[in-house]
Protein backbone atom coordinates (compact mmCIF):
# COMPACT_ATOMS: atom_id res chain seq x y z
CA MET A 1 45.94 -21.16 -53.84
CA ALA A 2 44.01 -22.47 -50.40
CA THR A 3 40.46 -23.47 -51.59
CA ILE A 4 37.68 -21.72 -50.40
CA ASP A 5 34.74 -23.24 -47.52
CA VAL A 6 32.18 -21.47 -47.89
CA ASN A 7 30.52 -24.19 -45.40
CA VAL A 8 33.04 -22.99 -42.83
CA LYS A 9 32.80 -19.37 -43.45
CA ILE A 10 29.05 -19.19 -43.59
CA GLU A 11 29.67 -20.61 -39.91
CA THR A 12 31.81 -18.02 -39.50
CA TRP A 13 28.60 -15.72 -40.56
CA LYS A 14 26.42 -16.96 -38.08
CA ASN A 15 29.08 -17.56 -34.98
CA LYS A 16 29.19 -13.79 -35.05
CA LEU A 17 25.45 -12.83 -35.08
CA LEU A 18 25.53 -15.45 -31.83
CA ASP A 19 25.24 -13.63 -29.06
CA LEU A 20 23.24 -15.71 -25.93
CA GLY A 21 25.12 -14.36 -23.81
CA LYS A 22 24.71 -11.95 -21.00
CA ARG A 23 24.65 -8.43 -22.77
CA ASN A 24 21.22 -10.08 -24.79
CA ARG A 25 18.94 -7.75 -23.55
CA LEU A 26 15.83 -10.98 -25.20
CA LEU A 27 17.69 -12.59 -22.46
CA ASN A 28 19.11 -11.06 -19.66
CA TYR A 29 16.67 -8.28 -19.39
CA LYS A 30 17.26 -5.72 -16.68
CA GLU A 31 15.02 -2.04 -16.24
CA THR A 32 17.23 0.83 -17.54
CA LYS A 33 16.88 4.42 -16.74
CA ARG A 34 15.54 5.10 -20.09
CA SER A 35 14.60 2.32 -22.43
CA SER A 36 12.57 0.63 -20.53
CA LEU A 37 9.13 1.03 -18.12
CA LYS A 38 7.32 -1.50 -16.06
CA ILE A 39 3.93 -1.15 -16.60
CA LEU A 40 2.57 -1.93 -13.41
CA SER A 41 -1.45 -0.79 -13.28
CA PRO A 42 -3.43 -2.68 -15.32
CA GLU A 43 -1.97 -5.58 -14.18
CA CYS A 44 -0.69 -7.84 -16.93
CA PHE A 45 -3.34 -10.11 -18.10
CA GLU A 46 -5.79 -6.66 -18.16
CA LEU A 47 -3.44 -4.96 -19.50
CA TYR A 48 -3.30 -7.82 -22.55
CA SER A 49 -6.37 -8.41 -22.96
CA SER A 50 -7.32 -4.32 -23.42
CA PHE A 51 -4.36 -3.63 -25.52
CA VAL A 52 -3.74 -7.27 -27.85
CA GLN A 53 -7.44 -8.61 -27.53
CA ASP A 54 -9.36 -5.97 -27.83
CA GLU A 55 -6.76 -3.30 -29.53
CA GLN A 56 -7.37 -0.66 -27.41
CA PRO A 57 -4.62 2.41 -27.28
CA LEU A 58 -2.58 2.62 -23.54
CA ILE A 59 -3.20 6.02 -23.17
CA PHE A 60 -0.24 7.64 -21.03
CA PRO A 61 -1.59 10.88 -18.79
CA ASN A 62 -0.55 14.46 -19.62
CA LEU A 63 2.02 15.98 -17.29
CA PHE A 64 3.24 19.18 -19.83
CA ASP A 65 1.23 21.31 -16.62
CA ALA A 66 2.49 19.47 -13.74
CA SER A 67 5.47 19.57 -14.99
CA GLU A 68 5.60 23.88 -15.48
CA SER A 69 5.03 23.80 -11.69
CA GLY A 70 7.40 21.88 -11.00
CA GLU A 71 5.38 20.74 -7.86
CA GLU A 72 6.86 16.98 -7.82
CA ASP A 73 5.58 16.73 -4.55
CA ASP A 74 2.05 16.76 -5.55
CA GLU A 75 2.38 15.02 -9.14
CA GLU A 76 3.20 11.84 -7.45
CA GLU A 77 0.89 12.25 -5.00
CA VAL A 78 -1.83 11.94 -7.89
CA ASN A 79 -3.81 8.20 -8.14
CA TYR A 80 -3.24 8.27 -12.30
CA PRO A 81 -4.78 6.16 -14.05
CA ILE A 82 -2.42 4.01 -15.51
CA GLN A 83 0.99 3.06 -12.61
CA THR A 84 4.79 2.47 -14.34
CA ASN A 85 7.85 2.53 -11.96
CA LYS A 86 8.86 5.82 -12.42
CA SER A 87 7.51 8.90 -11.31
CA PRO A 88 5.28 10.04 -13.41
CA ARG A 89 7.59 12.89 -14.19
CA ASP A 90 10.42 10.10 -15.09
CA THR A 91 8.15 8.20 -17.32
CA GLN A 92 7.28 10.99 -18.94
CA ARG A 93 10.55 11.54 -20.02
CA THR A 94 11.25 7.77 -21.13
CA LEU A 95 8.01 7.41 -22.86
CA LYS A 96 10.00 10.51 -25.36
CA SER A 97 13.63 8.54 -25.15
CA LEU A 98 11.86 5.28 -26.00
CA ARG A 99 9.89 7.25 -28.31
CA ASP A 100 12.65 9.02 -30.34
CA LYS A 101 14.80 5.44 -30.61
CA ALA A 102 11.92 4.28 -32.20
CA LYS A 103 11.15 6.40 -34.61
CA THR A 104 15.62 6.35 -35.32
CA ALA A 105 15.15 3.58 -36.05
CA ILE A 106 12.41 2.64 -38.48
CA GLU A 107 13.87 5.95 -40.89
CA GLU A 108 17.38 4.82 -40.42
CA GLN A 109 16.56 1.32 -40.73
CA GLY A 110 13.09 0.46 -41.47
CA VAL A 111 12.67 -1.86 -38.53
CA ASN A 112 10.46 -1.19 -35.33
CA ILE A 113 12.24 -2.55 -31.84
CA LEU A 114 9.26 -1.41 -29.84
CA TYR A 115 7.88 -3.83 -28.13
CA LEU A 116 5.83 -4.56 -24.94
CA SER A 117 7.07 -7.61 -23.02
CA PHE A 118 4.03 -9.96 -21.21
CA GLY A 119 5.92 -12.69 -18.62
CA PHE A 120 8.95 -13.30 -18.08
CA LEU A 121 10.83 -16.19 -17.43
CA LYS A 122 13.73 -16.09 -14.31
CA TRP A 123 15.69 -19.12 -15.08
CA THR A 124 19.46 -20.11 -14.42
CA GLU A 125 21.70 -21.62 -16.64
CA SER A 126 22.94 -24.50 -14.15
CA GLN A 127 21.30 -26.15 -11.34
CA ASP A 128 24.67 -25.02 -9.60
CA SER A 129 24.23 -20.80 -11.16
CA ASP A 130 23.62 -18.31 -8.75
CA TYR A 131 23.13 -15.74 -11.97
CA TRP A 132 19.08 -15.46 -12.86
CA PHE A 133 18.40 -14.74 -15.93
CA ASN A 134 15.44 -12.64 -16.58
CA SER A 135 13.66 -13.05 -19.77
CA PRO A 136 11.27 -11.21 -21.54
CA ILE A 137 8.50 -13.94 -23.39
CA LEU A 138 5.64 -12.25 -25.15
CA LEU A 139 6.62 -10.06 -27.30
CA VAL A 140 4.15 -7.61 -28.56
CA PRO A 141 4.74 -4.70 -31.14
CA ALA A 142 3.97 -0.78 -30.52
CA SER A 143 3.75 2.20 -31.56
CA LEU A 144 4.57 5.27 -29.55
CA THR A 145 2.95 8.48 -30.72
CA ILE A 146 1.98 12.18 -28.85
CA GLU A 147 0.77 14.56 -31.11
CA SER A 148 1.98 18.31 -29.77
CA ILE A 149 3.88 18.60 -26.01
CA ALA A 150 0.86 19.26 -24.19
CA SER A 151 -0.79 15.34 -25.71
CA PRO A 152 -0.42 12.69 -24.07
CA TYR A 153 1.31 10.06 -25.03
CA ILE A 154 -0.68 7.18 -27.30
CA LEU A 155 0.82 3.42 -27.13
CA SER A 156 -0.94 1.13 -29.73
CA ILE A 157 -1.05 -1.47 -31.06
CA HIS A 158 1.68 -2.20 -34.48
CA GLU A 159 1.26 -4.63 -37.36
CA ASP A 160 4.11 -6.41 -37.15
CA GLU A 161 3.81 -9.50 -35.44
CA ILE A 162 3.44 -11.17 -31.62
CA VAL A 163 5.92 -13.18 -31.04
CA ILE A 164 7.46 -15.61 -27.88
CA ASN A 165 10.97 -14.47 -27.89
CA PRO A 166 12.91 -16.18 -30.67
CA THR A 167 16.20 -15.15 -29.05
CA LEU A 168 14.55 -17.35 -25.91
CA SER A 169 12.99 -20.49 -27.58
CA PHE A 170 16.57 -20.76 -29.66
CA LYS A 171 18.12 -20.79 -25.91
CA LEU A 172 16.20 -23.35 -24.85
CA GLU A 173 15.79 -25.38 -27.50
CA LYS A 174 19.26 -25.46 -28.42
CA ASP A 175 20.80 -25.46 -24.27
CA PHE A 176 18.08 -27.70 -22.26
CA GLY A 177 16.49 -29.34 -25.60
CA ILE A 178 12.76 -26.97 -24.36
CA THR A 179 10.49 -26.73 -27.02
CA LEU A 180 8.65 -23.05 -25.76
CA PRO A 181 5.17 -22.76 -28.01
CA LYS A 182 4.31 -20.98 -30.46
CA TYR A 183 2.14 -17.91 -30.81
CA ASN A 184 -1.23 -17.67 -32.74
CA GLU A 185 -3.32 -14.81 -33.06
CA GLY A 186 -5.89 -14.68 -30.25
CA ASP A 187 -4.08 -17.25 -27.91
CA ASP A 188 -4.33 -16.26 -24.32
CA LEU A 189 -1.82 -14.71 -22.35
CA CYS A 190 -2.28 -17.27 -19.25
CA SER A 191 -2.61 -20.73 -21.09
CA ILE A 192 1.00 -19.32 -22.79
CA LEU A 193 3.00 -18.19 -19.41
CA ASP A 194 0.92 -20.92 -18.03
CA GLU A 195 2.44 -23.71 -20.62
CA ILE A 196 5.83 -22.41 -20.16
CA ALA A 197 5.44 -22.74 -16.13
CA ARG A 198 4.80 -26.88 -17.60
CA LEU A 199 7.52 -26.81 -19.53
CA THR A 200 10.80 -25.24 -16.72
CA ARG A 201 8.89 -27.26 -13.19
CA THR A 202 11.70 -29.35 -13.54
CA ASN A 203 13.93 -27.05 -13.76
CA ASN A 204 12.52 -24.90 -10.52
CA TRP A 205 12.37 -21.81 -12.13
CA GLU A 206 9.48 -19.48 -12.44
CA VAL A 207 7.24 -17.84 -14.58
CA VAL A 208 6.40 -13.83 -13.92
CA HIS A 209 3.45 -12.29 -14.94
CA GLU A 210 4.64 -8.83 -15.82
CA ALA A 211 4.61 -5.87 -18.02
CA SER A 212 7.45 -3.56 -19.56
CA LEU A 213 8.07 -1.58 -22.43
CA SER A 214 11.18 -1.61 -24.02
CA LEU A 215 13.61 -1.04 -27.33
CA LEU A 216 13.80 -5.25 -28.65
CA SER A 217 15.83 -6.47 -31.47
CA PHE A 218 16.00 -9.75 -32.95
CA LEU A 219 16.24 -9.62 -36.08
CA LYS A 220 20.46 -10.77 -35.30
CA ILE A 221 18.92 -14.49 -34.13
CA ASN A 222 16.98 -14.12 -37.74
CA MET A 223 19.20 -13.83 -40.15
CA TYR A 224 21.04 -16.89 -37.76
CA ASN A 225 17.66 -19.25 -38.88
CA ASP A 226 18.33 -18.39 -42.16
CA LEU A 227 21.52 -18.87 -42.59
CA SER A 228 20.53 -22.69 -41.18
CA LYS A 229 17.55 -23.48 -42.82
CA HIS A 230 19.20 -22.49 -46.19
CA LYS A 231 22.87 -23.49 -45.81
CA ASP A 232 23.08 -25.11 -48.47
CA SER A 233 21.46 -22.40 -51.18
CA ILE A 234 23.51 -19.99 -49.51
CA ALA A 235 26.91 -21.95 -50.35
CA SER A 236 25.83 -22.55 -53.57
CA ASN A 237 25.63 -18.87 -55.08
CA PRO A 238 27.59 -17.50 -57.30
CA ILE A 239 27.67 -14.19 -54.71
CA VAL A 240 27.82 -15.85 -51.41
CA ARG A 241 31.18 -17.39 -52.85
CA THR A 242 32.58 -14.52 -53.88
CA ILE A 243 32.25 -12.60 -51.07
CA SER A 244 33.79 -15.93 -49.49
CA GLY A 245 36.78 -15.44 -51.50
CA ASP A 246 36.03 -17.55 -53.84
CA ALA A 247 37.07 -16.02 -57.07
CA SER A 248 36.35 -18.04 -59.16
CA ALA A 249 32.49 -18.05 -58.81
CA SER A 250 32.24 -14.64 -59.60
CA ASN A 251 31.74 -13.22 -63.30
CA LYS A 252 33.62 -10.98 -64.74
CA ILE A 253 32.97 -7.89 -66.60
CA PRO A 254 33.85 -8.38 -70.58
CA GLU A 255 36.39 -5.31 -71.97
CA GLU A 256 33.85 -4.54 -74.55
CA ILE A 257 31.50 -2.86 -71.91
CA SER A 258 34.45 -0.91 -70.36
CA ASN A 259 34.38 0.65 -74.03
CA PHE A 260 31.09 -0.24 -75.30
CA ASP A 261 29.57 3.05 -78.23
CA TYR A 262 26.51 3.73 -77.16
CA ASP A 263 25.52 6.15 -79.20
CA LYS A 264 26.34 3.20 -82.49
CA ASN A 265 24.90 0.12 -80.90
CA ILE A 266 22.25 1.70 -78.82
CA THR A 267 18.76 3.75 -80.59
CA PRO A 268 16.90 5.30 -78.60
CA ALA A 269 13.50 3.54 -79.05
CA GLU A 270 15.98 1.32 -77.06
CA MET A 271 16.34 2.82 -73.89
CA PHE A 272 13.68 3.35 -71.48
CA GLN A 273 16.04 4.81 -68.76
CA VAL A 274 14.08 7.83 -66.75
CA VAL A 275 16.87 9.51 -65.37
CA ASP A 276 19.97 11.24 -66.18
CA ALA A 277 23.08 9.09 -66.54
CA ASP A 278 26.67 9.75 -67.32
CA SER A 279 28.71 6.98 -69.30
CA SER A 280 30.08 5.17 -66.68
CA GLN A 281 26.41 5.07 -64.70
CA GLN A 282 25.91 4.07 -68.12
CA ASP A 283 28.60 0.90 -68.00
CA ALA A 284 26.53 -0.45 -64.77
CA ILE A 285 22.89 0.17 -65.88
CA LEU A 286 24.35 -2.45 -69.15
CA CYS A 287 26.21 -4.24 -66.37
CA ALA A 288 22.61 -4.59 -64.82
CA LYS A 289 20.42 -5.79 -67.73
CA LYS A 290 23.56 -8.52 -68.98
CA GLY A 291 23.00 -10.10 -65.74
CA ILE A 292 26.58 -9.56 -64.77
CA SER A 293 26.86 -9.03 -60.65
CA PHE A 294 29.24 -6.01 -60.02
CA VAL A 295 29.53 -3.51 -56.18
CA LEU A 296 28.53 -0.33 -57.57
CA GLN A 297 31.02 2.40 -55.60
CA GLY A 298 30.56 5.75 -54.96
CA PRO A 299 30.45 8.63 -51.99
CA PRO A 300 27.25 10.76 -50.87
CA GLY A 301 26.07 12.93 -54.16
CA THR A 302 27.73 11.09 -57.18
CA GLY A 303 24.65 9.25 -58.77
CA LYS A 304 24.42 6.04 -57.07
CA SER A 305 20.63 6.40 -56.17
CA GLN A 306 19.75 7.26 -59.75
CA THR A 307 21.94 4.33 -61.16
CA ILE A 308 19.37 2.18 -59.30
CA THR A 309 16.76 4.01 -60.69
CA ASN A 310 17.56 3.88 -64.09
CA ILE A 311 18.76 0.02 -64.00
CA ILE A 312 14.98 -1.12 -62.34
CA ALA A 313 13.44 1.13 -64.90
CA GLU A 314 15.44 -0.88 -67.74
CA CYS A 315 14.81 -3.98 -66.13
CA LEU A 316 10.70 -3.33 -65.97
CA ALA A 317 10.56 -2.46 -69.42
CA ASP A 318 12.27 -5.93 -69.97
CA GLY A 319 9.34 -7.43 -68.39
CA LYS A 320 11.79 -8.20 -65.24
CA LYS A 321 10.91 -8.11 -61.47
CA VAL A 322 13.37 -6.39 -59.24
CA LEU A 323 13.32 -6.95 -56.12
CA PHE A 324 15.43 -3.46 -54.43
CA VAL A 325 16.63 -3.88 -50.64
CA SER A 326 18.38 -2.01 -48.40
CA GLU A 327 19.63 -1.61 -44.90
CA LYS A 328 19.21 1.72 -45.15
CA MET A 329 14.55 3.18 -45.14
CA ALA A 330 16.16 6.94 -46.60
CA ALA A 331 17.39 5.24 -50.19
CA LEU A 332 14.48 3.29 -50.74
CA GLU A 333 12.03 6.37 -50.27
CA VAL A 334 14.67 8.28 -52.85
CA VAL A 335 14.38 5.51 -55.39
CA HIS A 336 11.06 5.29 -54.84
CA ARG A 337 10.38 8.73 -54.34
CA ARG A 338 12.77 9.03 -58.12
CA LEU A 339 10.29 5.89 -60.13
CA SER A 340 7.18 7.67 -58.23
CA SER A 341 8.53 10.61 -59.86
CA ALA A 342 8.56 9.42 -63.82
CA GLY A 343 5.26 7.60 -62.98
CA LEU A 344 6.32 3.92 -62.22
CA ASN A 345 5.18 3.59 -58.62
CA ASP A 346 1.82 1.57 -60.05
CA PHE A 347 4.88 -0.77 -60.68
CA CYS A 348 6.30 -0.63 -57.14
CA LEU A 349 5.28 -2.89 -54.70
CA ILE A 350 6.40 -1.73 -50.58
CA LEU A 351 7.14 -4.87 -49.09
CA GLY A 352 8.28 -4.27 -45.84
CA GLY A 353 8.33 -1.17 -43.78
CA CYS A 354 7.27 0.36 -40.34
CA TYR A 355 5.75 3.24 -40.62
CA ALA A 356 1.87 4.17 -40.01
CA GLY A 357 -0.41 2.11 -42.29
CA ILE A 358 1.74 -0.45 -44.07
CA SER A 359 -0.66 -1.98 -45.21
CA ASN A 360 -3.11 0.65 -45.96
CA ILE A 361 -0.15 1.76 -48.47
CA ARG A 362 0.47 -2.22 -49.83
CA CYS A 363 -3.54 -2.56 -50.56
CA SER A 364 -3.60 1.20 -52.44
CA SER A 365 -0.57 -0.12 -54.45
CA LEU A 366 -1.95 -3.18 -55.82
CA CYS A 367 -5.39 -1.64 -56.35
CA CYS A 368 -3.36 0.84 -58.67
CA SER A 369 -1.79 -2.36 -60.32
CA PHE A 370 -4.82 -3.35 -61.02
CA ASP A 371 -6.55 -0.17 -61.68
CA ARG A 372 -3.85 0.04 -63.92
CA ASN A 373 -4.18 -2.91 -65.97
CA VAL A 374 -7.98 -4.02 -65.71
CA HIS A 375 -10.36 -2.95 -68.26
CA GLU A 376 -13.40 -1.06 -66.27
CA SER A 377 -16.10 -3.68 -67.45
CA GLU A 378 -13.77 -6.76 -66.12
CA LYS A 379 -14.35 -5.17 -62.99
CA PRO A 380 -15.42 -6.86 -59.82
CA LYS A 381 -18.94 -5.35 -59.50
CA ASN A 382 -19.10 -4.55 -56.13
CA ASP A 383 -17.83 -0.89 -55.62
CA ASN A 384 -15.77 -1.85 -52.45
CA TRP A 385 -13.85 -3.84 -54.83
CA CYS A 386 -10.59 -3.15 -53.30
CA GLY A 387 -10.93 -4.99 -50.12
CA CYS A 388 -10.44 -7.95 -51.65
CA PHE A 389 -6.38 -6.89 -51.29
CA SER A 390 -6.55 -6.27 -47.71
């Protein structure tokens, strides 16, 4: 059998993740009918000052009454405080589309993809090229909400990190040796754009002072960077080696587990499962407790989330820490709900997620765990002791 080179596999995975061509909107940004909205007024720097530095939400005027009347011409003549590159009616339709798509991404994947971009770099791949890329520079995570059909859309800053476009940073470093600055909280937008203009001046590129709301995702470049930075530890991981095709790296499931007599070998006092489990689920739980890696397969409704819940409960009883990761937010919520129903929610800490108030949820989780484990007399005197976790 041919020897498996894990490093070759890792390079293959990295290349599949990387998209530095014209299809990537983080490099080749284009305004679209329903997935982007250019903000013309307030102008770029004023908008940054109010939205980012002062954390003031951007309130788009409600056009419900005007839409119902159907008076398109009269509607466009109104001087609204927020001006976009679309008519007021199209602005509302675009905002609805942006909100719906961003909401779906959060619910299905737990990631925020709505960003307000400040500043754009117009650049070419070579001096001879006549094709100009247009790349957003500063990406500010945003949240778009509406209370009712008659209410205005409200754009507020999301608690995710503000970043300089990581895909653009990677591309310029890799192909041109240009290192873009990192964003630090409180940085002035004018200084950032001026610095990037200085760094790219010899290339005859242009920094444009514009702001645009759109759907962007740079998860793949983050995964690419993780694979690059931690290549050695990833290559030595037995699970990764197994996925790469190295069968010798996997630990086989012992025969005795398939024939394990639970009634004979485990007493009720030794079981810490919190939901019902059949024999096949019991085998999976036992494998997990013994540190055996495996893939649990099954169609919807066959008890996978129950099994994961029981595995976590058993590991908690053994004094272990468990990191549960899922691409789908719904899967995380189902397991968390089952653990909460069993009274184990104080042992759960939500590490990621993009729904509103995640910081408050983390703080509340820490406070509950602290309250469970610390005697009343040992708590800080300050009534607002939860503030220490903020």
